[in-house]
Every structure is written in C-alpha cells, then in structure tokens.
N, C-alpha and C. Protein backbone atom coordinates (compact mmCIF):
# COMPACT_ATOMS: atom_id res chain seq x y z
N MET A 1 -140.80 135.23 78.58
CA MET A 1 -139.83 134.43 79.27
C MET A 1 -140.25 135.54 81.12
N ASP A 2 -139.74 136.39 81.23
CA ASP A 2 -140.12 137.33 82.06
C ASP A 2 -139.32 136.21 83.64
N ASP A 3 -138.41 135.73 83.99
CA ASP A 3 -137.35 135.14 84.58
C ASP A 3 -136.43 136.51 85.06
N SER A 4 -136.50 136.93 86.47
CA SER A 4 -135.76 137.49 86.89
C SER A 4 -133.67 136.87 86.91
N VAL A 5 -132.53 137.08 87.10
CA VAL A 5 -131.70 136.83 87.96
C VAL A 5 -130.99 138.01 88.00
N ARG A 6 -130.07 137.87 89.32
CA ARG A 6 -128.79 139.01 89.85
C ARG A 6 -128.23 138.67 89.39
N ASN A 7 -126.55 139.44 88.22
CA ASN A 7 -125.50 139.00 88.06
C ASN A 7 -124.08 139.16 88.90
N GLU A 8 -124.17 137.71 89.03
CA GLU A 8 -123.49 137.73 90.02
C GLU A 8 -121.23 137.81 89.55
N ARG A 9 -121.02 137.51 88.30
CA ARG A 9 -119.98 137.53 87.63
C ARG A 9 -119.95 137.04 86.44
N VAL A 10 -119.14 138.07 85.38
CA VAL A 10 -118.95 137.56 84.32
C VAL A 10 -117.82 136.87 84.33
N LEU A 11 -118.04 135.56 84.11
CA LEU A 11 -115.90 134.71 83.93
C LEU A 11 -116.07 135.13 82.96
N ASP A 12 -115.60 135.48 81.82
CA ASP A 12 -114.98 136.19 80.85
C ASP A 12 -113.95 138.01 81.17
N LYS A 13 -112.87 137.12 81.44
CA LYS A 13 -111.95 139.06 81.44
C LYS A 13 -112.24 139.17 79.98
N ASP A 14 -112.71 139.53 79.83
CA ASP A 14 -112.77 139.96 77.91
C ASP A 14 -112.53 141.23 78.18
N LEU A 15 -111.74 142.41 78.14
CA LEU A 15 -112.27 144.01 78.48
C LEU A 15 -113.58 144.54 77.48
N VAL A 16 -113.63 144.48 76.42
CA VAL A 16 -114.24 145.11 75.60
C VAL A 16 -115.47 144.83 75.57
N LEU A 17 -115.23 142.65 76.59
CA LEU A 17 -117.15 142.58 76.59
C LEU A 17 -117.14 143.22 77.96
N LEU A 18 -116.12 143.17 78.89
CA LEU A 18 -116.68 143.67 80.51
C LEU A 18 -117.36 145.39 79.08
N ARG A 19 -116.83 145.90 78.91
CA ARG A 19 -116.95 147.09 78.62
C ARG A 19 -119.04 147.73 77.53
N TYR A 20 -118.97 146.60 77.18
CA TYR A 20 -119.63 146.63 76.31
C TYR A 20 -121.10 146.27 76.83
N LEU A 21 -120.85 144.98 78.37
CA LEU A 21 -122.23 144.96 78.80
C LEU A 21 -122.59 146.00 79.68
N SER A 22 -121.18 146.34 80.59
CA SER A 22 -121.68 148.39 81.16
C SER A 22 -122.18 149.02 80.62
N ALA A 23 -121.34 149.20 79.67
CA ALA A 23 -122.51 150.38 79.08
C ALA A 23 -123.85 150.27 78.89
N HIS A 24 -124.14 148.79 78.71
CA HIS A 24 -126.03 148.58 78.50
C HIS A 24 -125.91 148.53 79.94
N GLY A 25 -125.67 148.88 81.37
CA GLY A 25 -126.52 149.08 82.75
C GLY A 25 -126.23 147.47 83.06
N ILE A 26 -125.44 146.02 82.56
CA ILE A 26 -125.45 145.13 83.25
C ILE A 26 -123.45 144.75 83.62
N HIS A 27 -123.70 144.96 85.06
CA HIS A 27 -122.98 144.70 86.04
C HIS A 27 -123.13 144.06 87.11
N ARG A 28 -122.43 143.90 88.28
CA ARG A 28 -122.24 142.74 88.90
C ARG A 28 -123.06 142.99 90.15
N ARG A 29 -124.20 141.93 90.81
CA ARG A 29 -125.59 142.31 91.23
C ARG A 29 -126.32 142.94 91.08
N THR A 30 -126.58 143.22 89.31
CA THR A 30 -127.50 143.78 88.76
C THR A 30 -128.45 142.72 88.51
N VAL A 31 -129.73 142.79 89.09
CA VAL A 31 -131.16 141.99 88.51
C VAL A 31 -131.27 141.94 87.28
N VAL A 32 -131.39 141.90 86.17
CA VAL A 32 -131.77 141.64 85.04
C VAL A 32 -133.06 140.87 84.83
N GLU A 33 -133.87 141.39 83.72
CA GLU A 33 -134.82 140.04 83.37
C GLU A 33 -134.82 139.30 82.19
N ILE A 34 -135.10 138.61 82.23
CA ILE A 34 -134.62 137.36 80.54
C ILE A 34 -136.40 137.49 79.82
N ILE A 35 -135.58 138.36 79.42
CA ILE A 35 -137.10 138.51 78.64
C ILE A 35 -137.28 137.10 76.71
N GLU A 36 -136.51 137.04 76.26
CA GLU A 36 -136.22 135.43 75.33
C GLU A 36 -135.12 134.80 74.84
N ILE A 37 -134.52 134.09 74.62
CA ILE A 37 -134.08 133.04 74.52
C ILE A 37 -134.24 132.43 73.52
N THR A 38 -133.68 133.03 72.25
CA THR A 38 -134.58 132.71 70.92
C THR A 38 -133.70 131.35 70.61
N SER A 39 -134.28 130.33 69.65
CA SER A 39 -133.92 129.35 69.13
C SER A 39 -132.64 129.62 68.05
N PHE A 40 -132.02 130.46 68.13
CA PHE A 40 -130.74 130.74 67.19
C PHE A 40 -130.43 131.37 67.46
N GLY A 41 -130.04 131.20 69.66
CA GLY A 41 -129.25 131.47 70.60
C GLY A 41 -128.59 132.67 70.17
N MET A 42 -129.51 133.23 70.67
CA MET A 42 -129.44 135.23 71.11
C MET A 42 -130.46 134.52 72.43
N VAL A 43 -129.43 135.88 73.45
CA VAL A 43 -131.28 136.49 74.81
C VAL A 43 -130.44 137.54 75.04
N THR A 44 -132.69 137.88 75.39
CA THR A 44 -132.53 139.15 75.06
C THR A 44 -132.59 139.59 76.22
N LEU A 45 -132.22 140.55 76.95
CA LEU A 45 -132.07 140.94 79.25
C LEU A 45 -132.76 142.19 78.64
N ASP A 46 -132.87 142.69 79.99
CA ASP A 46 -133.67 144.24 80.05
C ASP A 46 -133.01 144.49 81.49
N PRO A 47 -132.14 145.00 82.03
CA PRO A 47 -131.68 145.65 82.48
C PRO A 47 -132.10 146.67 83.87
N GLY A 48 -133.52 146.26 82.99
CA GLY A 48 -134.67 147.35 84.45
C GLY A 48 -134.01 148.70 84.75
N ASN A 49 -133.12 149.70 83.57
CA ASN A 49 -132.66 150.76 83.92
C ASN A 49 -133.11 151.87 83.11
N GLU A 50 -132.74 152.60 82.19
CA GLU A 50 -133.51 153.47 81.54
C GLU A 50 -132.31 152.63 80.12
N ASP A 51 -131.78 152.29 80.10
CA ASP A 51 -131.66 151.74 79.21
C ASP A 51 -132.47 151.07 77.96
N GLU A 52 -132.00 150.79 76.51
CA GLU A 52 -133.10 149.31 75.81
C GLU A 52 -132.58 147.79 76.43
N PRO A 53 -133.63 147.14 76.09
CA PRO A 53 -132.81 145.59 76.28
C PRO A 53 -131.63 145.29 75.34
N VAL A 54 -130.91 144.68 75.50
CA VAL A 54 -129.54 143.87 75.36
C VAL A 54 -129.44 142.24 74.62
N ALA A 55 -129.43 142.09 73.43
CA ALA A 55 -129.38 141.14 72.97
C ALA A 55 -128.25 140.70 73.01
N LEU A 56 -127.82 139.26 73.46
CA LEU A 56 -126.22 139.18 73.47
C LEU A 56 -126.44 137.48 72.70
N PRO A 57 -125.12 137.07 72.03
CA PRO A 57 -125.80 136.25 71.77
C PRO A 57 -125.42 134.88 72.89
N ALA A 58 -125.78 133.93 73.10
CA ALA A 58 -126.12 133.01 73.49
C ALA A 58 -124.84 132.32 74.55
N GLU A 59 -123.21 132.28 73.34
CA GLU A 59 -121.84 131.72 74.65
C GLU A 59 -121.02 133.06 75.45
N VAL A 60 -122.09 134.30 74.85
CA VAL A 60 -121.57 135.10 75.80
C VAL A 60 -122.27 135.47 77.33
N ALA A 61 -123.74 134.85 77.36
CA ALA A 61 -125.01 134.90 78.21
C ALA A 61 -124.80 133.70 78.81
N ARG A 62 -123.45 133.15 78.73
CA ARG A 62 -123.53 132.11 79.66
C ARG A 62 -122.24 132.50 80.38
N SER A 63 -121.50 133.34 79.48
CA SER A 63 -119.57 133.91 80.83
C SER A 63 -120.29 134.83 81.48
N ILE A 64 -122.18 135.06 82.14
CA ILE A 64 -122.00 135.71 83.06
C ILE A 64 -122.79 134.71 84.28
N SER A 65 -122.05 134.44 85.17
CA SER A 65 -122.52 133.91 86.01
C SER A 65 -123.72 134.86 87.06
N THR A 66 -124.79 134.24 87.49
CA THR A 66 -126.03 134.40 87.95
C THR A 66 -126.24 133.80 88.97
N LYS A 67 -127.50 134.00 89.96
CA LYS A 67 -128.63 133.49 90.81
C LYS A 67 -130.00 133.81 90.38
N SER A 68 -130.67 133.47 90.61
CA SER A 68 -132.13 133.69 89.94
C SER A 68 -133.16 134.43 91.54
N VAL A 69 -133.75 135.31 90.94
CA VAL A 69 -133.90 135.67 91.81
C VAL A 69 -136.35 135.95 91.98
N THR A 70 -136.34 136.09 93.36
CA THR A 70 -137.75 136.09 93.67
C THR A 70 -138.10 137.20 93.14
N ARG A 71 -139.30 137.46 92.24
CA ARG A 71 -140.08 138.90 92.20
C ARG A 71 -140.93 139.53 92.92
N ASP A 72 -141.22 140.53 93.40
CA ASP A 72 -142.18 140.70 94.54
C ASP A 72 -143.78 141.30 93.24
N THR A 73 -144.65 140.37 93.86
CA THR A 73 -145.82 140.68 92.32
C THR A 73 -146.93 142.24 93.49
N ASN A 74 -146.33 142.99 94.02
CA ASN A 74 -146.82 143.27 94.76
C ASN A 74 -147.83 144.29 93.75
C-alpha cells in the first residue's frame, strides 16, 4: 500500500488499547506506514522504529485519528 499517516490521537480511551499501541511504538504524532488492509478487516501498520509491524482490527485502526503525510523521495 505504501501510504504514510501521522497519528493525531486515539479516539478510544480504553487504557488496554492505549498501552498496546504504545508498546508497539504507536504514539501521538508518530508517522506510520500502512502496509496492508486485508479484505477480512485487518490493518497492518509499520511504526518505522525497531518494532515489528503491528496488525490491528479495522475497528481499532478506525479509532486512530490520522493525517496524511508526504514522503521524501530523496
């Protein structure tokens, strides 16, 4: 897919979800790459740090407010 977005905020206030995202390097203002959106409702994100990509249910991914970012091609 190769789209990058910046996380603005997580709309869900579920502390378990917030801890899970944080543990996988997904924080407010983090730029992540959308690797894949499957037909069965999973979204795979790469936080671009040392962590492995993380797969989230589409419902959880929709709770993350994002903005598109342009990628450097240099």
